[in-house]
Amino acid sequence: MFIDQGGSGMKIGFIGVGGMAQAIIGGLLQAKTFAPTEIVVHSHRKESYESYAQAHGLQTAEQNSDVADQSDLVVVAVTPNVAASVLQEIKPQVADGQTTVISIVAGLSLAEMADILGDNVPILRTLPNVNVEVGAGMTAVAANARLTGTDLDAALRVFNTIGSTTTLAEDQFGVFSALAGSSPAYIDFFIDSLSRAGVKYGLTKAQATQIAAQATLGSAKMVLESDKIPFALIDQVASPGGSTVAGLLAMEEAGLMTAVVKGIDATIKRDAGDPA
């Protein structure tokens, strides 16, 4: 039986196969953006990347330079403390400008990458969130001047097939990180709070979680697909004198909106290096 594994006719390599890299790879495989044989992986722990690759039918490389040599797109998915040395290692393979380097390294700017790789290398800086794994991610992107045309389209396609992208100035990545990078945890916390309330009134945790998650998903879809702002959608549900209004007023009295804004404030401060 023929199984359609998709494919792009290009190869994408991952240097580092931690949680976010695996989320991206999982999303790409689910979307059939790349066939498993079009994905090359390598990391510093051979036992980890080899078993992961074998489990998903991916290709492996013996060293970082081999990933760059075999790939049209190279995703640098390492920790910030080793990013510079990794870029130095792959510089000879990408210096001709024929390979696009995609970074998901937190805090690593386009200028810093160009200082190492040179101005001839097309580079895309990205900040994806974990929802890319289920094809519903949100990714901030910023491209250098060298990344244009079909090369830019190919790089953006990686993330547009597993969610949505938004082009931002690099100094806005911190705000994006709070709104999209950290918010899955906050939204999961909200869903769990709804589900616990359901349990309080007799539902099982599984029932309550499914109901709360689906309701949250539907509400998000309404915001994205309608031409109305969230408050207008609230008004559609909140009948005068009704139970929804009573619930909204109770949440407002408890400081829900203030708590959310304070949470974003704290996230941005910590991301900027403020421990307070």
C-alpha atoms as a PDB file:
ATOM      1  CA  MET A   1       0.000   0.000   0.000  1.00  0.00           C
ATOM      2  CA  PHE A   2       1.318   3.445  -0.934  1.00  0.00           C
ATOM      3  CA  ILE A   3       1.606   5.845   1.991  1.00  0.00           C
ATOM      4  CA  ASP A   4       1.891   9.510   1.051  1.00  0.00           C
ATOM      5  CA  GLN A   5       4.722  10.940   3.132  1.00  0.00           C
ATOM      6  CA  GLY A   6       4.608  14.301   1.391  1.00  0.00           C
ATOM      7  CA  GLY A   7       7.784  16.120   0.575  1.00  0.00           C
ATOM      8  CA  SER A   8       9.157  19.364  -0.761  1.00  0.00           C
ATOM      9  CA  GLY A   9      12.041  18.348  -2.998  1.00  0.00           C
ATOM     10  CA  MET A  10      14.302  20.178  -0.550  1.00  0.00           C
ATOM     11  CA  LYS A  11      16.242  19.026   2.479  1.00  0.00           C
ATOM     12  CA  ILE A  12      16.003  20.633   5.890  1.00  0.00           C
ATOM     13  CA  GLY A  13      18.585  20.020   8.586  1.00  0.00           C
ATOM     14  CA  PHE A  14      18.308  20.457  12.336  1.00  0.00           C
ATOM     15  CA  ILE A  15      21.315  21.107  14.514  1.00  0.00           C
ATOM     16  CA  GLY A  16      19.955  20.276  17.944  1.00  0.00           C
ATOM     17  CA  VAL A  17      16.919  18.092  18.560  1.00  0.00           C
ATOM     18  CA  GLY A  18      15.573  19.429  21.841  1.00  0.00           C
ATOM     19  CA  GLY A  19      11.947  20.075  22.688  1.00  0.00           C
ATOM     20  CA  MET A  20      11.280  22.910  20.241  1.00  0.00           C
ATOM     21  CA  ALA A  21      13.127  21.237  17.371  1.00  0.00           C
ATOM     22  CA  GLN A  22      11.102  18.083  17.940  1.00  0.00           C
ATOM     23  CA  ALA A  23       7.894  20.129  18.020  1.00  0.00           C
ATOM     24  CA  ILE A  24       8.779  21.695  14.648  1.00  0.00           C
ATOM     25  CA  ILE A  25       9.771  18.357  13.129  1.00  0.00           C
ATOM     26  CA  GLY A  26       6.588  16.749  14.426  1.00  0.00           C
ATOM     27  CA  GLY A  27       4.497  19.495  12.863  1.00  0.00           C
ATOM     28  CA  LEU A  28       6.328  19.275   9.536  1.00  0.00           C
ATOM     29  CA  LEU A  29       5.849  15.511   9.379  1.00  0.00           C
ATOM     30  CA  GLN A  30       2.184  15.797  10.286  1.00  0.00           C
ATOM     31  CA  ALA A  31       1.673  18.448   7.599  1.00  0.00           C
ATOM     32  CA  LYS A  32       3.760  16.427   5.105  1.00  0.00           C
ATOM     33  CA  THR A  33       5.783  19.566   4.379  1.00  0.00           C
ATOM     34  CA  PHE A  34       8.870  17.373   4.277  1.00  0.00           C
ATOM     35  CA  ALA A  35       9.170  13.628   3.899  1.00  0.00           C
ATOM     36  CA  PRO A  36      11.098  11.960   6.734  1.00  0.00           C
ATOM     37  CA  THR A  37      14.001  11.285   4.366  1.00  0.00           C
ATOM     38  CA  GLU A  38      14.226  15.031   3.627  1.00  0.00           C
ATOM     39  CA  ILE A  39      14.973  15.844   7.275  1.00  0.00           C
ATOM     40  CA  VAL A  40      18.547  15.561   8.588  1.00  0.00           C
ATOM     41  CA  VAL A  41      19.361  15.793  12.296  1.00  0.00           C
ATOM     42  CA  HIS A  42      22.408  16.001  14.521  1.00  0.00           C
ATOM     43  CA  SER A  43      23.075  17.014  18.115  1.00  0.00           C
ATOM     44  CA  HIS A  44      25.882  16.710  20.625  1.00  0.00           C
ATOM     45  CA  ARG A  45      24.307  13.609  22.170  1.00  0.00           C
ATOM     46  CA  LYS A  46      24.513  10.820  19.607  1.00  0.00           C
ATOM     47  CA  GLU A  47      22.342   8.407  21.576  1.00  0.00           C
ATOM     48  CA  SER A  48      19.524  10.957  21.649  1.00  0.00           C
ATOM     49  CA  TYR A  49      19.434  12.086  18.034  1.00  0.00           C
ATOM     50  CA  GLU A  50      20.028   8.634  16.561  1.00  0.00           C
ATOM     51  CA  SER A  51      17.167   7.017  18.478  1.00  0.00           C
ATOM     52  CA  TYR A  52      14.890   9.965  17.681  1.00  0.00           C
ATOM     53  CA  ALA A  53      15.775   9.812  13.982  1.00  0.00           C
ATOM     54  CA  GLN A  54      15.272   6.058  13.850  1.00  0.00           C
ATOM     55  CA  ALA A  55      11.858   6.347  15.494  1.00  0.00           C
ATOM     56  CA  HIS A  56      10.687   8.839  12.847  1.00  0.00           C
ATOM     57  CA  GLY A  57      12.580   7.654   9.773  1.00  0.00           C
ATOM     58  CA  LEU A  58      14.819  10.729   9.593  1.00  0.00           C
ATOM     59  CA  GLN A  59      18.333  11.036   8.195  1.00  0.00           C
ATOM     60  CA  THR A  60      21.278  11.599  10.536  1.00  0.00           C
ATOM     61  CA  ALA A  61      24.602  13.383  10.166  1.00  0.00           C
ATOM     62  CA  GLU A  62      27.830  12.747  12.049  1.00  0.00           C
ATOM     63  CA  GLN A  63      28.604  16.408  12.691  1.00  0.00           C
ATOM     64  CA  ASN A  64      27.091  19.865  12.374  1.00  0.00           C
ATOM     65  CA  SER A  65      29.011  20.676   9.214  1.00  0.00           C
ATOM     66  CA  ASP A  66      27.529  17.585   7.561  1.00  0.00           C
ATOM     67  CA  VAL A  67      24.014  18.837   8.326  1.00  0.00           C
ATOM     68  CA  ALA A  68      24.787  22.120   6.587  1.00  0.00           C
ATOM     69  CA  ASP A  69      26.456  20.345   3.687  1.00  0.00           C
ATOM     70  CA  GLN A  70      23.426  18.117   3.057  1.00  0.00           C
ATOM     71  CA  SER A  71      20.641  20.685   3.550  1.00  0.00           C
ATOM     72  CA  ASP A  72      18.986  23.528   1.660  1.00  0.00           C
ATOM     73  CA  LEU A  73      17.664  24.925   4.947  1.00  0.00           C
ATOM     74  CA  VAL A  74      19.562  24.600   8.228  1.00  0.00           C
ATOM     75  CA  VAL A  75      17.697  25.139  11.488  1.00  0.00           C
ATOM     76  CA  VAL A  76      20.010  26.081  14.346  1.00  0.00           C
ATOM     77  CA  ALA A  77      18.181  24.826  17.438  1.00  0.00           C
ATOM     78  CA  VAL A  78      20.834  24.911  20.132  1.00  0.00           C
ATOM     79  CA  THR A  79      21.180  26.749  23.425  1.00  0.00           C
ATOM     80  CA  PRO A  80      22.476  30.342  23.292  1.00  0.00           C
ATOM     81  CA  ASN A  81      25.769  29.475  24.991  1.00  0.00           C
ATOM     82  CA  VAL A  82      26.898  27.223  22.118  1.00  0.00           C
ATOM     83  CA  ALA A  83      25.231  29.025  19.197  1.00  0.00           C
ATOM     84  CA  ALA A  84      28.303  31.035  18.179  1.00  0.00           C
ATOM     85  CA  SER A  85      30.544  27.971  18.015  1.00  0.00           C
ATOM     86  CA  VAL A  86      27.934  26.062  15.987  1.00  0.00           C
ATOM     87  CA  LEU A  87      27.679  28.917  13.483  1.00  0.00           C
ATOM     88  CA  GLN A  88      31.473  29.012  13.186  1.00  0.00           C
ATOM     89  CA  GLU A  89      31.440  25.277  12.528  1.00  0.00           C
ATOM     90  CA  ILE A  90      28.964  25.494   9.632  1.00  0.00           C
ATOM     91  CA  LYS A  91      30.322  28.727   8.143  1.00  0.00           C
ATOM     92  CA  PRO A  92      32.390  27.038   5.386  1.00  0.00           C
ATOM     93  CA  GLN A  93      29.356  25.066   4.190  1.00  0.00           C
ATOM     94  CA  VAL A  94      26.989  28.070   3.999  1.00  0.00           C
ATOM     95  CA  ALA A  95      29.394  30.851   2.999  1.00  0.00           C
ATOM     96  CA  ASP A  96      28.461  30.626  -0.685  1.00  0.00           C
ATOM     97  CA  GLY A  97      24.949  31.877   0.118  1.00  0.00           C
ATOM     98  CA  GLN A  98      23.181  28.821  -1.314  1.00  0.00           C
ATOM     99  CA  THR A  99      21.924  27.554   2.054  1.00  0.00           C
ATOM    100  CA  THR A 100      19.427  29.415   4.235  1.00  0.00           C
ATOM    101  CA  VAL A 101      20.191  29.469   7.944  1.00  0.00           C
ATOM    102  CA  ILE A 102      17.138  29.528  10.219  1.00  0.00           C
ATOM    103  CA  SER A 103      17.719  30.280  13.887  1.00  0.00           C
ATOM    104  CA  ILE A 104      15.371  29.492  16.752  1.00  0.00           C
ATOM    105  CA  VAL A 105      18.030  30.488  19.299  1.00  0.00           C
ATOM    106  CA  ALA A 106      16.602  32.883  21.878  1.00  0.00           C
ATOM    107  CA  GLY A 107      18.201  36.325  21.914  1.00  0.00           C
ATOM    108  CA  LEU A 108      20.537  35.765  18.951  1.00  0.00           C
ATOM    109  CA  SER A 109      20.162  38.714  16.576  1.00  0.00           C
ATOM    110  CA  LEU A 110      20.540  38.808  12.811  1.00  0.00           C
ATOM    111  CA  ALA A 111      23.531  41.120  13.186  1.00  0.00           C
ATOM    112  CA  GLU A 112      25.267  38.724  15.573  1.00  0.00           C
ATOM    113  CA  MET A 113      24.724  35.840  13.182  1.00  0.00           C
ATOM    114  CA  ALA A 114      25.947  37.868  10.201  1.00  0.00           C
ATOM    115  CA  ASP A 115      29.083  38.843  12.134  1.00  0.00           C
ATOM    116  CA  ILE A 116      29.952  35.152  12.267  1.00  0.00           C
ATOM    117  CA  LEU A 117      28.577  33.844   8.963  1.00  0.00           C
ATOM    118  CA  GLY A 118      29.126  36.910   6.780  1.00  0.00           C
ATOM    119  CA  ASP A 119      26.715  39.154   4.897  1.00  0.00           C
ATOM    120  CA  ASN A 120      26.319  36.762   1.958  1.00  0.00           C
ATOM    121  CA  VAL A 121      24.362  34.149   3.925  1.00  0.00           C
ATOM    122  CA  PRO A 122      20.536  34.322   3.899  1.00  0.00           C
ATOM    123  CA  ILE A 123      19.334  34.202   7.514  1.00  0.00           C
ATOM    124  CA  LEU A 124      15.900  33.973   9.099  1.00  0.00           C
ATOM    125  CA  ARG A 125      15.562  34.634  12.806  1.00  0.00           C
ATOM    126  CA  THR A 126      12.476  32.962  14.248  1.00  0.00           C
ATOM    127  CA  LEU A 127      10.654  32.569  17.529  1.00  0.00           C
ATOM    128  CA  PRO A 128       8.119  29.735  17.263  1.00  0.00           C
ATOM    129  CA  ASN A 129       5.845  28.536  20.022  1.00  0.00           C
ATOM    130  CA  VAL A 130       5.289  24.935  21.010  1.00  0.00           C
ATOM    131  CA  ASN A 131       1.928  24.717  19.228  1.00  0.00           C
ATOM    132  CA  VAL A 132       3.785  24.161  15.941  1.00  0.00           C
ATOM    133  CA  GLU A 133       3.740  20.481  16.892  1.00  0.00           C
ATOM    134  CA  VAL A 134      -0.005  20.295  16.193  1.00  0.00           C
ATOM    135  CA  GLY A 135       0.035  22.640  13.183  1.00  0.00           C
ATOM    136  CA  ALA A 136      -1.311  25.587  15.166  1.00  0.00           C
ATOM    137  CA  GLY A 137       1.867  27.462  16.005  1.00  0.00           C
ATOM    138  CA  MET A 138       2.561  31.176  16.021  1.00  0.00           C
ATOM    139  CA  THR A 139       6.038  32.197  14.891  1.00  0.00           C
ATOM    140  CA  ALA A 140       7.697  35.598  14.804  1.00  0.00           C
ATOM    141  CA  VAL A 141      10.158  36.048  11.937  1.00  0.00           C
ATOM    142  CA  ALA A 142      12.778  38.572  10.883  1.00  0.00           C
ATOM    143  CA  ALA A 143      14.900  38.150   7.749  1.00  0.00           C
ATOM    144  CA  ASN A 144      18.198  39.739   6.813  1.00  0.00           C
ATOM    145  CA  ALA A 145      18.610  41.675   3.571  1.00  0.00           C
ATOM    146  CA  ARG A 146      20.126  38.647   1.831  1.00  0.00           C
ATOM    147  CA  LEU A 147      17.013  36.486   2.286  1.00  0.00           C
ATOM    148  CA  THR A 148      14.526  37.425  -0.444  1.00  0.00           C
ATOM    149  CA  GLY A 149      12.291  36.010  -3.159  1.00  0.00           C
ATOM    150  CA  THR A 150      11.887  32.257  -3.439  1.00  0.00           C
ATOM    151  CA  ASP A 151      14.484  31.638  -0.720  1.00  0.00           C
ATOM    152  CA  LEU A 152      12.399  33.677   1.716  1.00  0.00           C
ATOM    153  CA  ASP A 153       9.229  31.915   0.572  1.00  0.00           C
ATOM    154  CA  ALA A 154      10.822  28.513   1.198  1.00  0.00           C
ATOM    155  CA  ALA A 155      11.982  29.499   4.675  1.00  0.00           C
ATOM    156  CA  LEU A 156       8.603  30.962   5.638  1.00  0.00           C
ATOM    157  CA  ARG A 157       6.816  27.888   4.292  1.00  0.00           C
ATOM    158  CA  VAL A 158       8.467  25.837   7.024  1.00  0.00           C
ATOM    159  CA  PHE A 159       6.486  27.747   9.644  1.00  0.00           C
ATOM    160  CA  ASN A 160       3.381  28.674   7.647  1.00  0.00           C
ATOM    161  CA  THR A 161       2.567  24.996   7.111  1.00  0.00           C
ATOM    162  CA  ILE A 162       2.626  24.384  10.873  1.00  0.00           C
ATOM    163  CA  GLY A 163       0.787  27.524  11.928  1.00  0.00           C
ATOM    164  CA  SER A 164       1.045  31.229  11.180  1.00  0.00           C
ATOM    165  CA  THR A 165       3.893  33.723  10.987  1.00  0.00           C
ATOM    166  CA  THR A 166       4.174  37.409  11.694  1.00  0.00           C
ATOM    167  CA  THR A 167       7.071  39.607  10.585  1.00  0.00           C
ATOM    168  CA  LEU A 168       8.369  41.763  13.428  1.00  0.00           C
ATOM    169  CA  ALA A 169      11.228  44.107  14.149  1.00  0.00           C
ATOM    170  CA  GLU A 170      13.765  42.287  16.286  1.00  0.00           C
ATOM    171  CA  ASP A 171      13.215  44.621  19.235  1.00  0.00           C
ATOM    172  CA  GLN A 172       9.610  43.371  19.375  1.00  0.00           C
ATOM    173  CA  PHE A 173      10.585  39.725  19.862  1.00  0.00           C
ATOM    174  CA  GLY A 174      10.474  40.121  23.647  1.00  0.00           C
ATOM    175  CA  VAL A 175       6.836  41.197  23.581  1.00  0.00           C
ATOM    176  CA  PHE A 176       6.028  38.410  21.139  1.00  0.00           C
ATOM    177  CA  SER A 177       7.698  35.891  23.426  1.00  0.00           C
ATOM    178  CA  ALA A 178       5.351  36.858  26.246  1.00  0.00           C
ATOM    179  CA  LEU A 179       2.216  36.925  24.079  1.00  0.00           C
ATOM    180  CA  ALA A 180       2.861  33.792  22.019  1.00  0.00           C
ATOM    181  CA  GLY A 181       5.870  31.952  23.396  1.00  0.00           C
ATOM    182  CA  SER A 182       4.826  31.804  27.040  1.00  0.00           C
ATOM    183  CA  SER A 183       1.079  32.168  26.569  1.00  0.00           C
ATOM    184  CA  PRO A 184       0.412  28.495  25.765  1.00  0.00           C
ATOM    185  CA  ALA A 185       1.225  27.832  29.428  1.00  0.00           C
ATOM    186  CA  TYR A 186      -1.077  30.658  30.525  1.00  0.00           C
ATOM    187  CA  ILE A 187      -3.902  29.463  28.293  1.00  0.00           C
ATOM    188  CA  ASP A 188      -3.417  25.902  29.512  1.00  0.00           C
ATOM    189  CA  PHE A 189      -3.643  27.299  33.048  1.00  0.00           C
ATOM    190  CA  PHE A 190      -6.939  29.002  32.144  1.00  0.00           C
ATOM    191  CA  ILE A 191      -8.280  25.783  30.587  1.00  0.00           C
ATOM    192  CA  ASP A 192      -7.266  23.862  33.697  1.00  0.00           C
ATOM    193  CA  SER A 193      -9.028  26.455  35.873  1.00  0.00           C
ATOM    194  CA  LEU A 194     -12.226  26.052  33.834  1.00  0.00           C
ATOM    195  CA  SER A 195     -11.910  22.296  34.071  1.00  0.00           C
ATOM    196  CA  ARG A 196     -11.435  22.381  37.848  1.00  0.00           C
ATOM    197  CA  ALA A 197     -14.594  24.461  38.115  1.00  0.00           C
ATOM    198  CA  GLY A 198     -16.389  21.789  36.109  1.00  0.00           C
ATOM    199  CA  VAL A 199     -15.109  19.113  38.483  1.00  0.00           C
ATOM    200  CA  LYS A 200     -16.422  21.186  41.386  1.00  0.00           C
ATOM    201  CA  TYR A 201     -19.891  20.805  39.906  1.00  0.00           C
ATOM    202  CA  GLY A 202     -19.764  17.090  39.190  1.00  0.00           C
ATOM    203  CA  LEU A 203     -17.985  16.532  35.865  1.00  0.00           C
ATOM    204  CA  THR A 204     -15.026  14.200  35.614  1.00  0.00           C
ATOM    205  CA  LYS A 205     -11.674  15.903  35.031  1.00  0.00           C
ATOM    206  CA  ALA A 206     -11.460  14.364  31.555  1.00  0.00           C
ATOM    207  CA  GLN A 207     -14.949  15.577  30.612  1.00  0.00           C
ATOM    208  CA  ALA A 208     -14.352  19.049  32.002  1.00  0.00           C
ATOM    209  CA  THR A 209     -10.966  19.384  30.295  1.00  0.00           C
ATOM    210  CA  GLN A 210     -12.337  18.327  26.909  1.00  0.00           C
ATOM    211  CA  ILE A 211     -15.233  20.776  27.210  1.00  0.00           C
ATOM    212  CA  ALA A 212     -13.003  23.659  28.332  1.00  0.00           C
ATOM    213  CA  ALA A 213     -10.341  23.000  25.688  1.00  0.00           C
ATOM    214  CA  GLN A 214     -12.832  22.752  22.822  1.00  0.00           C
ATOM    215  CA  ALA A 215     -14.640  25.900  23.975  1.00  0.00           C
ATOM    216  CA  THR A 216     -11.313  27.751  24.111  1.00  0.00           C
ATOM    217  CA  LEU A 217     -10.343  26.478  20.656  1.00  0.00           C
ATOM    218  CA  GLY A 218     -13.675  27.572  19.206  1.00  0.00           C
ATOM    219  CA  SER A 219     -13.447  31.015  20.782  1.00  0.00           C
ATOM    220  CA  ALA A 220      -9.949  31.523  19.370  1.00  0.00           C
ATOM    221  CA  LYS A 221     -11.194  30.492  15.934  1.00  0.00           C
ATOM    222  CA  MET A 222     -14.051  32.982  16.187  1.00  0.00           C
ATOM    223  CA  VAL A 223     -11.604  35.790  16.950  1.00  0.00           C
ATOM    224  CA  LEU A 224      -9.379  34.846  14.008  1.00  0.00           C
ATOM    225  CA  GLU A 225     -12.132  34.279  11.454  1.00  0.00           C
ATOM    226  CA  SER A 226     -14.595  37.046  12.305  1.00  0.00           C
ATOM    227  CA  ASP A 227     -14.142  40.758  11.706  1.00  0.00           C
ATOM    228  CA  LYS A 228     -15.117  41.559  15.286  1.00  0.00           C
ATOM    229  CA  ILE A 229     -12.896  42.474  18.196  1.00  0.00           C
ATOM    230  CA  PRO A 230     -13.015  40.174  21.241  1.00  0.00           C
ATOM    231  CA  PHE A 231     -15.241  42.527  23.243  1.00  0.00           C
ATOM    232  CA  ALA A 232     -17.846  42.483  20.465  1.00  0.00           C
ATOM    233  CA  LEU A 233     -17.829  38.689  20.576  1.00  0.00           C
ATOM    234  CA  ILE A 234     -18.244  38.828  24.348  1.00  0.00           C
ATOM    235  CA  ASP A 235     -21.356  40.959  23.850  1.00  0.00           C
ATOM    236  CA  GLN A 236     -22.806  38.275  21.566  1.00  0.00           C
ATOM    237  CA  VAL A 237     -22.698  35.757  24.411  1.00  0.00           C
ATOM    238  CA  ALA A 238     -23.439  38.002  27.377  1.00  0.00           C
ATOM    239  CA  SER A 239     -27.194  38.633  27.433  1.00  0.00           C
ATOM    240  CA  PRO A 240     -28.342  41.546  29.642  1.00  0.00           C
ATOM    241  CA  GLY A 241     -28.883  40.358  33.192  1.00  0.00           C
ATOM    242  CA  GLY A 242     -27.802  36.826  32.286  1.00  0.00           C
ATOM    243  CA  SER A 243     -25.504  34.269  33.848  1.00  0.00           C
ATOM    244  CA  THR A 244     -22.571  35.081  31.546  1.00  0.00           C
ATOM    245  CA  VAL A 245     -22.617  38.724  32.635  1.00  0.00           C
ATOM    246  CA  ALA A 246     -22.673  37.613  36.252  1.00  0.00           C
ATOM    247  CA  GLY A 247     -19.645  35.415  35.630  1.00  0.00           C
ATOM    248  CA  LEU A 248     -17.763  38.163  33.781  1.00  0.00           C
ATOM    249  CA  LEU A 249     -18.402  40.646  36.577  1.00  0.00           C
ATOM    250  CA  ALA A 250     -17.166  38.142  39.160  1.00  0.00           C
ATOM    251  CA  MET A 251     -13.983  37.543  37.143  1.00  0.00           C
ATOM    252  CA  GLU A 252     -13.449  41.281  36.737  1.00  0.00           C
ATOM    253  CA  GLU A 253     -13.964  41.796  40.460  1.00  0.00           C
ATOM    254  CA  ALA A 254     -11.363  39.087  41.117  1.00  0.00           C
ATOM    255  CA  GLY A 255      -8.931  40.966  38.864  1.00  0.00           C
ATOM    256  CA  LEU A 256      -8.628  38.571  35.922  1.00  0.00           C
ATOM    257  CA  MET A 257      -7.566  41.188  33.349  1.00  0.00           C
ATOM    258  CA  THR A 258      -5.128  42.818  35.763  1.00  0.00           C
ATOM    259  CA  ALA A 259      -3.637  39.415  36.574  1.00  0.00           C
ATOM    260  CA  VAL A 260      -3.139  38.647  32.865  1.00  0.00           C
ATOM    261  CA  VAL A 261      -1.432  41.993  32.169  1.00  0.00           C
ATOM    262  CA  LYS A 262       0.768  41.614  35.246  1.00  0.00           C
ATOM    263  CA  GLY A 263       1.734  38.138  34.047  1.00  0.00           C
ATOM    264  CA  ILE A 264       2.809  39.542  30.673  1.00  0.00           C
ATOM    265  CA  ASP A 265       4.718  42.351  32.429  1.00  0.00           C
ATOM    266  CA  ALA A 266       6.595  39.821  34.561  1.00  0.00           C
ATOM    267  CA  THR A 267       7.395  37.652  31.542  1.00  0.00           C
ATOM    268  CA  ILE A 268       8.809  40.573  29.553  1.00  0.00           C
ATOM    269  CA  LYS A 269      10.865  41.790  32.519  1.00  0.00           C
ATOM    270  CA  ARG A 270      12.388  38.376  33.098  1.00  0.00           C
ATOM    271  CA  ASP A 271      13.071  37.951  29.379  1.00  0.00           C
ATOM    272  CA  ALA A 272      14.916  41.281  29.457  1.00  0.00           C
ATOM    273  CA  GLY A 273      17.098  40.033  32.298  1.00  0.00           C
ATOM    274  CA  ASP A 274      15.287  41.700  35.192  1.00  0.00           C
ATOM    275  CA  PRO A 275      15.021  39.112  38.011  1.00  0.00           C
ATOM    276  CA  ALA A 276      12.331  41.102  39.823  1.00  0.00           C
END
